[in-house]
């Protein structure tokens, strides 16, 4: 790990994985600024209230941190939420909101910070995606879409900024026991038409999440990706999820689809 004093900006750091990342970075001696919609005080970070879907607000956040510190070495994009429901019955406004927060929230934040990193020819951007971005989950389609978009965005951005000393990586957590589960916006519309499969799928996923790894484990992994000298384009947290993602790349797509159906759509 790098030992030089660093300055980090974390979005969505008021709870869950984001808060765990804030604490882990602070424990490593990093000066941390956090931005989220909540008006709160954090022990290990300076909180700046802002909404990641507001491009102008995120620009102001970046300028605020730069005016105080003169640099942003690390950007960690954690802000996000989940929706569930059948594609056929999902309100279009809800689907757009999912992408606006999870995907375009990252776009707004990166656009605000990247010019500074490029001019300094140094910086690390960690985008928190999800295993659902690599393995699309039925009845959580738009959440999976938003995370798959982040994976593609991160991979392309990584090569765009490579000549400027800025490195980019996507971290894909699996099931994490956080308030994310209870905050999910669930739509049961059409569950009768789909034979109860919507509610069964979401219940299975929520049980997996509540029994998942601690946010502190995820926070420490994000810290590692933020501070190590080199990073891969993407990585999963934990050996089991690393193996799972690898298998989906090696096994026939038909077989992977069948397994996902049996787990989350039958």
C-alpha atoms as a PDB file:
ATOM      1  CA  UNK A   1       0.000   0.000   0.000  1.00  0.00           C
ATOM      2  CA  UNK A   2       1.003   3.587  -0.517  1.00  0.00           C
ATOM      3  CA  UNK A   3       1.917   5.379   2.688  1.00  0.00           C
ATOM      4  CA  UNK A   4       1.826   8.952   1.378  1.00  0.00           C
ATOM      5  CA  UNK A   5      -0.936  11.121   2.877  1.00  0.00           C
ATOM      6  CA  UNK A   6      -3.928  11.009   0.557  1.00  0.00           C
ATOM      7  CA  UNK A   7      -7.198  12.895   0.133  1.00  0.00           C
ATOM      8  CA  UNK A   8     -10.304  10.901  -0.805  1.00  0.00           C
ATOM      9  CA  UNK A   9     -13.837  11.809  -1.849  1.00  0.00           C
ATOM     10  CA  UNK A  10     -16.467   9.117  -1.228  1.00  0.00           C
ATOM     11  CA  UNK A  11     -20.038   9.328  -2.516  1.00  0.00           C
ATOM     12  CA  UNK A  12     -22.839   7.573  -0.645  1.00  0.00           C
ATOM     13  CA  UNK A  13     -20.627   7.299   2.411  1.00  0.00           C
ATOM     14  CA  UNK A  14     -23.249   7.926   5.066  1.00  0.00           C
ATOM     15  CA  UNK A  15     -24.276   4.266   5.410  1.00  0.00           C
ATOM     16  CA  UNK A  16     -23.605   0.710   4.281  1.00  0.00           C
ATOM     17  CA  UNK A  17     -20.605  -0.069   2.091  1.00  0.00           C
ATOM     18  CA  UNK A  18     -19.907   3.620   1.589  1.00  0.00           C
ATOM     19  CA  UNK A  19     -19.618   4.309   5.313  1.00  0.00           C
ATOM     20  CA  UNK A  20     -17.436   1.232   5.738  1.00  0.00           C
ATOM     21  CA  UNK A  21     -15.162   2.542   2.975  1.00  0.00           C
ATOM     22  CA  UNK A  22     -15.006   5.951   4.683  1.00  0.00           C
ATOM     23  CA  UNK A  23     -13.970   4.352   7.973  1.00  0.00           C
ATOM     24  CA  UNK A  24     -11.449   2.008   6.358  1.00  0.00           C
ATOM     25  CA  UNK A  25      -9.771   4.830   4.438  1.00  0.00           C
ATOM     26  CA  UNK A  26      -9.696   7.039   7.532  1.00  0.00           C
ATOM     27  CA  UNK A  27      -8.132   4.215   9.548  1.00  0.00           C
ATOM     28  CA  UNK A  28      -5.367   4.099   6.926  1.00  0.00           C
ATOM     29  CA  UNK A  29      -4.589   7.773   7.498  1.00  0.00           C
ATOM     30  CA  UNK A  30      -6.434   9.120   4.474  1.00  0.00           C
ATOM     31  CA  UNK A  31      -8.202  12.484   4.762  1.00  0.00           C
ATOM     32  CA  UNK A  32     -11.773  11.656   3.743  1.00  0.00           C
ATOM     33  CA  UNK A  33     -14.574  13.824   2.405  1.00  0.00           C
ATOM     34  CA  UNK A  34     -18.003  12.251   2.012  1.00  0.00           C
ATOM     35  CA  UNK A  35     -21.012  13.408   0.051  1.00  0.00           C
ATOM     36  CA  UNK A  36     -24.592  12.158   0.213  1.00  0.00           C
ATOM     37  CA  UNK A  37     -28.083  13.586   0.430  1.00  0.00           C
ATOM     38  CA  UNK A  38     -28.339  13.126   4.194  1.00  0.00           C
ATOM     39  CA  UNK A  39     -27.565  16.052   6.475  1.00  0.00           C
ATOM     40  CA  UNK A  40     -25.373  14.248   8.988  1.00  0.00           C
ATOM     41  CA  UNK A  41     -22.089  14.410  10.838  1.00  0.00           C
ATOM     42  CA  UNK A  42     -19.463  11.721  10.445  1.00  0.00           C
ATOM     43  CA  UNK A  43     -16.637  10.958  12.848  1.00  0.00           C
ATOM     44  CA  UNK A  44     -14.105   9.971  10.224  1.00  0.00           C
ATOM     45  CA  UNK A  45     -14.947  12.281   7.337  1.00  0.00           C
ATOM     46  CA  UNK A  46     -16.008  15.784   6.409  1.00  0.00           C
ATOM     47  CA  UNK A  47     -19.591  15.550   5.155  1.00  0.00           C
ATOM     48  CA  UNK A  48     -20.731  17.722   2.234  1.00  0.00           C
ATOM     49  CA  UNK A  49     -24.451  17.303   1.474  1.00  0.00           C
ATOM     50  CA  UNK A  50     -25.206  16.839  -2.223  1.00  0.00           C
ATOM     51  CA  UNK A  51     -27.203  14.672  -4.623  1.00  0.00           C
ATOM     52  CA  UNK A  52     -25.130  12.722  -7.151  1.00  0.00           C
ATOM     53  CA  UNK A  53     -27.867  13.155  -9.760  1.00  0.00           C
ATOM     54  CA  UNK A  54     -27.250  16.934  -9.713  1.00  0.00           C
ATOM     55  CA  UNK A  55     -24.291  17.606 -12.011  1.00  0.00           C
ATOM     56  CA  UNK A  56     -23.818  21.187 -10.779  1.00  0.00           C
ATOM     57  CA  UNK A  57     -23.929  20.053  -7.146  1.00  0.00           C
ATOM     58  CA  UNK A  58     -21.222  17.464  -7.712  1.00  0.00           C
ATOM     59  CA  UNK A  59     -19.084  20.061  -9.441  1.00  0.00           C
ATOM     60  CA  UNK A  60     -19.444  22.260  -6.353  1.00  0.00           C
ATOM     61  CA  UNK A  61     -18.471  19.361  -4.082  1.00  0.00           C
ATOM     62  CA  UNK A  62     -15.277  18.724  -6.047  1.00  0.00           C
ATOM     63  CA  UNK A  63     -14.386  22.416  -6.000  1.00  0.00           C
ATOM     64  CA  UNK A  64     -15.064  22.576  -2.260  1.00  0.00           C
ATOM     65  CA  UNK A  65     -12.679  19.701  -1.528  1.00  0.00           C
ATOM     66  CA  UNK A  66     -10.050  21.147  -3.847  1.00  0.00           C
ATOM     67  CA  UNK A  67     -10.306  24.563  -2.221  1.00  0.00           C
ATOM     68  CA  UNK A  68      -9.705  22.989   1.199  1.00  0.00           C
ATOM     69  CA  UNK A  69      -7.072  20.408   0.303  1.00  0.00           C
ATOM     70  CA  UNK A  70      -5.675  21.387  -3.074  1.00  0.00           C
ATOM     71  CA  UNK A  71      -5.978  17.814  -4.337  1.00  0.00           C
ATOM     72  CA  UNK A  72      -8.202  14.754  -4.666  1.00  0.00           C
ATOM     73  CA  UNK A  73      -6.140  11.590  -4.886  1.00  0.00           C
ATOM     74  CA  UNK A  74      -8.917   9.020  -4.563  1.00  0.00           C
ATOM     75  CA  UNK A  75     -12.521   8.997  -5.726  1.00  0.00           C
ATOM     76  CA  UNK A  76     -14.783   6.208  -4.473  1.00  0.00           C
ATOM     77  CA  UNK A  77     -18.260   6.083  -6.027  1.00  0.00           C
ATOM     78  CA  UNK A  78     -20.605   4.181  -3.700  1.00  0.00           C
ATOM     79  CA  UNK A  79     -23.919   6.032  -4.025  1.00  0.00           C
ATOM     80  CA  UNK A  80     -26.741   3.832  -5.224  1.00  0.00           C
ATOM     81  CA  UNK A  81     -29.958   1.976  -4.440  1.00  0.00           C
ATOM     82  CA  UNK A  82     -31.974  -0.920  -5.800  1.00  0.00           C
ATOM     83  CA  UNK A  83     -35.396  -1.547  -7.252  1.00  0.00           C
ATOM     84  CA  UNK A  84     -37.092  -4.848  -7.991  1.00  0.00           C
ATOM     85  CA  UNK A  85     -40.045  -6.030 -10.017  1.00  0.00           C
ATOM     86  CA  UNK A  86     -40.948  -7.530 -13.366  1.00  0.00           C
ATOM     87  CA  UNK A  87     -39.753  -5.618 -16.429  1.00  0.00           C
ATOM     88  CA  UNK A  88     -43.224  -5.761 -17.889  1.00  0.00           C
ATOM     89  CA  UNK A  89     -44.735  -3.984 -14.899  1.00  0.00           C
ATOM     90  CA  UNK A  90     -41.915  -1.635 -13.857  1.00  0.00           C
ATOM     91  CA  UNK A  91     -42.883   2.001 -14.179  1.00  0.00           C
ATOM     92  CA  UNK A  92     -40.584   3.727 -16.655  1.00  0.00           C
ATOM     93  CA  UNK A  93     -39.959   6.586 -14.237  1.00  0.00           C
ATOM     94  CA  UNK A  94     -38.673   4.101 -11.640  1.00  0.00           C
ATOM     95  CA  UNK A  95     -36.348   2.496 -14.189  1.00  0.00           C
ATOM     96  CA  UNK A  96     -34.991   5.892 -15.223  1.00  0.00           C
ATOM     97  CA  UNK A  97     -34.449   6.882 -11.588  1.00  0.00           C
ATOM     98  CA  UNK A  98     -32.462   3.680 -11.034  1.00  0.00           C
ATOM     99  CA  UNK A  99     -30.110   4.550 -13.870  1.00  0.00           C
ATOM    100  CA  UNK A 100     -30.011   8.235 -12.941  1.00  0.00           C
ATOM    101  CA  UNK A 101     -28.674   7.461  -9.465  1.00  0.00           C
ATOM    102  CA  UNK A 102     -26.590   4.329  -9.978  1.00  0.00           C
ATOM    103  CA  UNK A 103     -25.062   5.134 -13.359  1.00  0.00           C
ATOM    104  CA  UNK A 104     -25.334   8.831 -14.113  1.00  0.00           C
ATOM    105  CA  UNK A 105     -24.546   9.656 -10.490  1.00  0.00           C
ATOM    106  CA  UNK A 106     -21.116   8.135 -11.102  1.00  0.00           C
ATOM    107  CA  UNK A 107     -20.837   9.966 -14.428  1.00  0.00           C
ATOM    108  CA  UNK A 108     -21.568  13.318 -12.746  1.00  0.00           C
ATOM    109  CA  UNK A 109     -19.047  12.676  -9.986  1.00  0.00           C
ATOM    110  CA  UNK A 110     -16.260  11.502 -12.271  1.00  0.00           C
ATOM    111  CA  UNK A 111     -16.773  14.464 -14.605  1.00  0.00           C
ATOM    112  CA  UNK A 112     -16.353  16.803 -11.636  1.00  0.00           C
ATOM    113  CA  UNK A 113     -13.128  15.210 -10.362  1.00  0.00           C
ATOM    114  CA  UNK A 114     -11.402  13.835 -13.458  1.00  0.00           C
ATOM    115  CA  UNK A 115     -10.098  17.140 -14.922  1.00  0.00           C
ATOM    116  CA  UNK A 116      -8.157  17.758 -11.707  1.00  0.00           C
ATOM    117  CA  UNK A 117      -6.708  14.242 -11.687  1.00  0.00           C
ATOM    118  CA  UNK A 118      -5.800  14.434 -15.364  1.00  0.00           C
ATOM    119  CA  UNK A 119      -4.019  17.767 -14.934  1.00  0.00           C
ATOM    120  CA  UNK A 120      -2.081  16.394 -11.939  1.00  0.00           C
ATOM    121  CA  UNK A 121      -1.436  13.209 -13.913  1.00  0.00           C
ATOM    122  CA  UNK A 122      -2.358  11.148 -10.874  1.00  0.00           C
ATOM    123  CA  UNK A 123      -5.473   9.684  -9.274  1.00  0.00           C
ATOM    124  CA  UNK A 124      -7.400   6.542  -8.463  1.00  0.00           C
ATOM    125  CA  UNK A 125     -11.104   6.094  -9.221  1.00  0.00           C
ATOM    126  CA  UNK A 126     -12.914   3.175  -7.584  1.00  0.00           C
ATOM    127  CA  UNK A 127     -16.438   2.530  -8.865  1.00  0.00           C
ATOM    128  CA  UNK A 128     -18.594   0.249  -6.731  1.00  0.00           C
ATOM    129  CA  UNK A 129     -20.529  -1.952  -9.120  1.00  0.00           C
ATOM    130  CA  UNK A 130     -22.011  -5.368  -8.265  1.00  0.00           C
ATOM    131  CA  UNK A 131     -21.792  -9.041  -9.136  1.00  0.00           C
ATOM    132  CA  UNK A 132     -25.269  -8.367 -10.568  1.00  0.00           C
ATOM    133  CA  UNK A 133     -23.501  -6.368 -13.272  1.00  0.00           C
ATOM    134  CA  UNK A 134     -21.768  -9.538 -14.420  1.00  0.00           C
ATOM    135  CA  UNK A 135     -24.635 -11.955 -13.657  1.00  0.00           C
ATOM    136  CA  UNK A 136     -27.970 -10.312 -14.406  1.00  0.00           C
ATOM    137  CA  UNK A 137     -30.601 -11.094 -11.769  1.00  0.00           C
ATOM    138  CA  UNK A 138     -34.203 -11.620 -12.919  1.00  0.00           C
ATOM    139  CA  UNK A 139     -36.763  -9.322 -11.319  1.00  0.00           C
ATOM    140  CA  UNK A 140     -33.886  -6.990 -10.476  1.00  0.00           C
ATOM    141  CA  UNK A 141     -33.309  -6.238 -14.123  1.00  0.00           C
ATOM    142  CA  UNK A 142     -32.833  -2.492 -13.972  1.00  0.00           C
ATOM    143  CA  UNK A 143     -30.474  -2.735 -11.008  1.00  0.00           C
ATOM    144  CA  UNK A 144     -28.434  -5.288 -12.975  1.00  0.00           C
ATOM    145  CA  UNK A 145     -28.529  -3.023 -16.032  1.00  0.00           C
ATOM    146  CA  UNK A 146     -27.236  -0.066 -14.023  1.00  0.00           C
ATOM    147  CA  UNK A 147     -24.318  -2.106 -12.685  1.00  0.00           C
ATOM    148  CA  UNK A 148     -23.503  -3.668 -16.060  1.00  0.00           C
ATOM    149  CA  UNK A 149     -23.401  -0.127 -17.445  1.00  0.00           C
ATOM    150  CA  UNK A 150     -20.917   0.807 -14.719  1.00  0.00           C
ATOM    151  CA  UNK A 151     -18.698  -2.132 -15.619  1.00  0.00           C
ATOM    152  CA  UNK A 152     -18.599  -1.070 -19.278  1.00  0.00           C
ATOM    153  CA  UNK A 153     -18.137   2.596 -18.348  1.00  0.00           C
ATOM    154  CA  UNK A 154     -15.244   1.790 -16.016  1.00  0.00           C
ATOM    155  CA  UNK A 155     -13.496  -0.467 -18.532  1.00  0.00           C
ATOM    156  CA  UNK A 156     -13.679   2.161 -21.281  1.00  0.00           C
ATOM    157  CA  UNK A 157     -12.752   5.079 -19.015  1.00  0.00           C
ATOM    158  CA  UNK A 158      -9.740   3.168 -17.728  1.00  0.00           C
ATOM    159  CA  UNK A 159      -8.150   3.208 -21.186  1.00  0.00           C
ATOM    160  CA  UNK A 160      -9.170   6.786 -21.954  1.00  0.00           C
ATOM    161  CA  UNK A 161      -7.268   8.144 -18.946  1.00  0.00           C
ATOM    162  CA  UNK A 162      -4.391   5.647 -18.838  1.00  0.00           C
ATOM    163  CA  UNK A 163      -1.870   8.078 -20.418  1.00  0.00           C
ATOM    164  CA  UNK A 164      -2.560  10.665 -17.691  1.00  0.00           C
ATOM    165  CA  UNK A 165      -1.614   8.598 -14.674  1.00  0.00           C
ATOM    166  CA  UNK A 166      -5.244   8.090 -13.598  1.00  0.00           C
ATOM    167  CA  UNK A 167      -6.244   4.515 -12.826  1.00  0.00           C
ATOM    168  CA  UNK A 168      -9.812   3.235 -12.735  1.00  0.00           C
ATOM    169  CA  UNK A 169     -11.259   0.024 -11.335  1.00  0.00           C
ATOM    170  CA  UNK A 170     -14.694  -1.459 -10.671  1.00  0.00           C
ATOM    171  CA  UNK A 171     -15.340  -3.359  -7.446  1.00  0.00           C
ATOM    172  CA  UNK A 172     -18.179  -5.887  -7.591  1.00  0.00           C
ATOM    173  CA  UNK A 173     -19.578  -6.838  -4.183  1.00  0.00           C
ATOM    174  CA  UNK A 174     -21.910  -9.776  -3.833  1.00  0.00           C
ATOM    175  CA  UNK A 175     -24.356 -10.193  -0.962  1.00  0.00           C
ATOM    176  CA  UNK A 176     -23.655  -7.653   1.797  1.00  0.00           C
ATOM    177  CA  UNK A 177     -25.598  -7.330   5.036  1.00  0.00           C
ATOM    178  CA  UNK A 178     -26.507  -3.623   5.008  1.00  0.00           C
ATOM    179  CA  UNK A 179     -29.550  -1.361   5.053  1.00  0.00           C
ATOM    180  CA  UNK A 180     -29.543  -1.596   1.241  1.00  0.00           C
ATOM    181  CA  UNK A 181     -31.874  -4.580   1.506  1.00  0.00           C
ATOM    182  CA  UNK A 182     -34.589  -2.788   3.481  1.00  0.00           C
ATOM    183  CA  UNK A 183     -34.210   0.334   1.328  1.00  0.00           C
ATOM    184  CA  UNK A 184     -34.904  -1.544  -1.915  1.00  0.00           C
ATOM    185  CA  UNK A 185     -37.920  -0.142  -3.744  1.00  0.00           C
ATOM    186  CA  UNK A 186     -40.008  -3.241  -4.424  1.00  0.00           C
ATOM    187  CA  UNK A 187     -42.903  -3.457  -6.837  1.00  0.00           C
ATOM    188  CA  UNK A 188     -45.114  -6.554  -6.532  1.00  0.00           C
ATOM    189  CA  UNK A 189     -47.129  -5.534  -9.596  1.00  0.00           C
ATOM    190  CA  UNK A 190     -47.884  -8.564 -11.755  1.00  0.00           C
ATOM    191  CA  UNK A 191     -46.886 -11.119  -9.125  1.00  0.00           C
ATOM    192  CA  UNK A 192     -50.201 -12.910  -9.616  1.00  0.00           C
ATOM    193  CA  UNK A 193     -49.647 -13.037 -13.374  1.00  0.00           C
ATOM    194  CA  UNK A 194     -46.113 -14.379 -12.840  1.00  0.00           C
ATOM    195  CA  UNK A 195     -47.311 -17.054 -10.420  1.00  0.00           C
ATOM    196  CA  UNK A 196     -45.681 -15.532  -7.327  1.00  0.00           C
ATOM    197  CA  UNK A 197     -42.234 -15.724  -8.923  1.00  0.00           C
ATOM    198  CA  UNK A 198     -41.494 -12.029  -8.331  1.00  0.00           C
ATOM    199  CA  UNK A 199     -41.960 -12.214  -4.574  1.00  0.00           C
ATOM    200  CA  UNK A 200     -40.136 -15.564  -4.363  1.00  0.00           C
ATOM    201  CA  UNK A 201     -37.158 -14.205  -6.261  1.00  0.00           C
ATOM    202  CA  UNK A 202     -36.874 -11.042  -4.190  1.00  0.00           C
ATOM    203  CA  UNK A 203     -37.310 -12.969  -0.934  1.00  0.00           C
ATOM    204  CA  UNK A 204     -34.503 -15.338  -1.931  1.00  0.00           C
ATOM    205  CA  UNK A 205     -32.229 -12.442  -2.807  1.00  0.00           C
ATOM    206  CA  UNK A 206     -32.985 -10.600   0.430  1.00  0.00           C
ATOM    207  CA  UNK A 207     -32.276 -13.711   2.494  1.00  0.00           C
ATOM    208  CA  UNK A 208     -28.915 -14.050   0.737  1.00  0.00           C
ATOM    209  CA  UNK A 209     -28.130 -10.385   1.383  1.00  0.00           C
ATOM    210  CA  UNK A 210     -28.989 -10.536   5.082  1.00  0.00           C
ATOM    211  CA  UNK A 211     -26.704 -13.534   5.437  1.00  0.00           C
ATOM    212  CA  UNK A 212     -23.956 -11.925   3.385  1.00  0.00           C
ATOM    213  CA  UNK A 213     -20.550 -10.570   4.318  1.00  0.00           C
ATOM    214  CA  UNK A 214     -20.172  -7.544   6.555  1.00  0.00           C
ATOM    215  CA  UNK A 215     -19.902  -4.053   5.051  1.00  0.00           C
ATOM    216  CA  UNK A 216     -16.610  -3.693   6.928  1.00  0.00           C
ATOM    217  CA  UNK A 217     -15.126  -6.493   4.822  1.00  0.00           C
ATOM    218  CA  UNK A 218     -16.235  -4.682   1.681  1.00  0.00           C
ATOM    219  CA  UNK A 219     -14.903  -1.393   3.029  1.00  0.00           C
ATOM    220  CA  UNK A 220     -11.467  -2.859   3.632  1.00  0.00           C
ATOM    221  CA  UNK A 221     -11.396  -4.314   0.132  1.00  0.00           C
ATOM    222  CA  UNK A 222     -12.333  -0.940  -1.370  1.00  0.00           C
ATOM    223  CA  UNK A 223      -9.536   0.626   0.669  1.00  0.00           C
ATOM    224  CA  UNK A 224      -7.110  -1.910  -0.789  1.00  0.00           C
ATOM    225  CA  UNK A 225      -8.220  -1.046  -4.310  1.00  0.00           C
ATOM    226  CA  UNK A 226      -7.925   2.660  -3.522  1.00  0.00           C
ATOM    227  CA  UNK A 227      -4.387   2.476  -2.139  1.00  0.00           C
ATOM    228  CA  UNK A 228      -2.524  -0.301  -3.942  1.00  0.00           C
ATOM    229  CA  UNK A 229      -0.092   0.642  -6.695  1.00  0.00           C
ATOM    230  CA  UNK A 230      -1.921  -1.121  -9.526  1.00  0.00           C
ATOM    231  CA  UNK A 231      -5.461  -2.406  -9.917  1.00  0.00           C
ATOM    232  CA  UNK A 232      -7.301  -4.710 -12.320  1.00  0.00           C
ATOM    233  CA  UNK A 233     -10.121  -3.378 -14.520  1.00  0.00           C
ATOM    234  CA  UNK A 234     -12.614  -5.085 -12.199  1.00  0.00           C
ATOM    235  CA  UNK A 235     -12.689  -7.480  -9.272  1.00  0.00           C
ATOM    236  CA  UNK A 236     -15.132  -9.216  -6.963  1.00  0.00           C
ATOM    237  CA  UNK A 237     -14.942  -9.284  -3.181  1.00  0.00           C
ATOM    238  CA  UNK A 238     -14.246 -12.710  -1.690  1.00  0.00           C
ATOM    239  CA  UNK A 239     -13.006 -15.952  -3.205  1.00  0.00           C
ATOM    240  CA  UNK A 240     -16.486 -17.379  -3.713  1.00  0.00           C
ATOM    241  CA  UNK A 241     -17.641 -14.421  -5.798  1.00  0.00           C
ATOM    242  CA  UNK A 242     -14.376 -14.298  -7.719  1.00  0.00           C
ATOM    243  CA  UNK A 243     -14.887 -17.972  -8.589  1.00  0.00           C
ATOM    244  CA  UNK A 244     -18.537 -17.384  -9.486  1.00  0.00           C
ATOM    245  CA  UNK A 245     -17.777 -14.541 -11.880  1.00  0.00           C
ATOM    246  CA  UNK A 246     -14.954 -16.561 -13.432  1.00  0.00           C
ATOM    247  CA  UNK A 247     -17.257 -19.540 -13.971  1.00  0.00           C
ATOM    248  CA  UNK A 248     -19.810 -17.395 -15.785  1.00  0.00           C
ATOM    249  CA  UNK A 249     -17.062 -16.462 -18.232  1.00  0.00           C
ATOM    250  CA  UNK A 250     -15.920 -20.040 -18.764  1.00  0.00           C
ATOM    251  CA  UNK A 251     -19.181 -21.984 -18.795  1.00  0.00           C
ATOM    252  CA  UNK A 252     -21.636 -21.981 -21.721  1.00  0.00           C
ATOM    253  CA  UNK A 253     -24.040 -19.026 -21.536  1.00  0.00           C
ATOM    254  CA  UNK A 254     -27.007 -21.401 -21.813  1.00  0.00           C
ATOM    255  CA  UNK A 255     -25.893 -23.235 -18.673  1.00  0.00           C
ATOM    256  CA  UNK A 256     -25.286 -20.016 -16.716  1.00  0.00           C
ATOM    257  CA  UNK A 257     -28.729 -18.740 -17.706  1.00  0.00           C
ATOM    258  CA  UNK A 258     -30.344 -22.008 -16.584  1.00  0.00           C
ATOM    259  CA  UNK A 259     -28.650 -21.883 -13.176  1.00  0.00           C
ATOM    260  CA  UNK A 260     -29.714 -18.259 -12.630  1.00  0.00           C
ATOM    261  CA  UNK A 261     -33.266 -19.209 -13.596  1.00  0.00           C
ATOM    262  CA  UNK A 262     -33.352 -22.043 -11.100  1.00  0.00           C
ATOM    263  CA  UNK A 263     -31.986 -19.824  -8.308  1.00  0.00           C
ATOM    264  CA  UNK A 264     -33.903 -16.590  -8.857  1.00  0.00           C
ATOM    265  CA  UNK A 265     -36.694 -16.995 -11.414  1.00  0.00           C
ATOM    266  CA  UNK A 266     -38.362 -20.383 -11.035  1.00  0.00           C
END
